Amino acid sequence: MKSDLVDKASEIVTDPLVLVNLVSQRVRQLNSGRSPLIPTRPTMGAADIALTEIIEGKIKLIEKDPVAP
């Protein structure tokens, strides 16, 4: 995983825990056979792909409204 990608993705998803969870979930999807949403190079790992997808706006965090009692 490249630190410059982490830095750029951190500007988009500012909460580090949320970023880790988002990347982890996408890595699981990629490893289970889902196609990347960006053009990739053979040197890119799944985490690099996930981070680049976040940076390029291909994956976005959608916040759910809290459930009213």
Protein backbone atom coordinates (compact mmCIF):
# COMPACT_ATOMS: atom_id res chain seq x y z
CA MET A 1 0.00 0.00 0.00
CA LYS A 2 1.43 3.33 -1.02
CA SER A 3 1.47 6.07 1.60
CA ASP A 4 0.75 8.82 -0.93
CA LEU A 5 -2.53 7.07 -1.78
CA VAL A 6 -3.39 6.84 1.90
CA ASP A 7 -2.70 10.56 2.33
CA LYS A 8 -4.90 11.51 -0.63
CA ALA A 9 -7.73 9.18 0.45
CA SER A 10 -7.49 10.61 4.00
CA GLU A 11 -8.41 14.01 2.59
CA ILE A 12 -11.65 12.52 1.24
CA VAL A 13 -12.55 10.19 4.12
CA THR A 14 -11.26 12.10 7.12
CA ASP A 15 -12.05 9.55 9.86
CA PRO A 16 -9.18 7.01 9.84
CA LEU A 17 -11.34 4.19 11.21
CA VAL A 18 -13.96 4.72 8.52
CA LEU A 19 -11.25 4.79 5.84
CA VAL A 20 -9.78 1.52 7.09
CA ASN A 21 -13.20 -0.14 7.11
CA LEU A 22 -14.05 1.18 3.64
CA VAL A 23 -10.75 -0.03 2.18
CA SER A 24 -11.04 -3.39 3.96
CA GLN A 25 -14.52 -4.01 2.62
CA ARG A 26 -13.49 -3.11 -0.92
CA VAL A 27 -10.36 -5.31 -0.70
CA ARG A 28 -12.58 -8.24 0.31
CA GLN A 29 -14.81 -7.55 -2.69
CA LEU A 30 -11.85 -7.38 -5.07
CA ASN A 31 -10.32 -10.56 -3.66
CA SER A 32 -13.63 -12.39 -4.08
CA GLY A 33 -13.71 -11.58 -7.79
CA ARG A 34 -15.36 -8.17 -8.18
CA SER A 35 -13.92 -6.10 -11.01
CA PRO A 36 -11.92 -2.94 -10.32
CA LEU A 37 -13.70 0.31 -11.14
CA ILE A 38 -10.49 1.87 -12.45
CA PRO A 39 -7.80 0.88 -14.95
CA THR A 40 -5.14 -1.08 -13.04
CA ARG A 41 -1.50 -2.00 -13.45
CA PRO A 42 -0.01 -5.38 -12.53
CA THR A 43 1.99 -3.74 -9.72
CA MET A 44 -1.14 -2.51 -7.92
CA GLY A 45 -2.34 -4.50 -4.93
CA ALA A 46 -5.97 -4.70 -3.88
CA ALA A 47 -5.51 -1.96 -1.25
CA ASP A 48 -3.93 0.37 -3.83
CA ILE A 49 -6.88 -0.26 -6.15
CA ALA A 50 -9.38 0.43 -3.36
CA LEU A 51 -7.61 3.65 -2.33
CA THR A 52 -7.41 4.85 -5.93
CA GLU A 53 -11.12 4.14 -6.39
CA ILE A 54 -11.85 6.32 -3.35
CA ILE A 55 -9.55 9.10 -4.60
CA GLU A 56 -11.14 9.08 -8.06
CA GLY A 57 -14.65 9.19 -6.62
CA LYS A 58 -15.63 5.72 -7.83
CA ILE A 59 -16.45 4.67 -4.27
CA LYS A 60 -18.18 7.04 -1.91
CA LEU A 61 -19.20 6.81 1.69
CA ILE A 62 -22.93 7.19 2.13
CA GLU A 63 -23.95 8.20 5.61
CA LYS A 64 -27.21 6.78 6.83
CA ASP A 65 -29.66 8.87 8.80
CA PRO A 66 -29.98 7.71 12.38
CA VAL A 67 -33.16 5.81 13.03
CA ALA A 68 -35.64 7.89 14.94
CA PRO A 69 -37.13 6.24 18.05
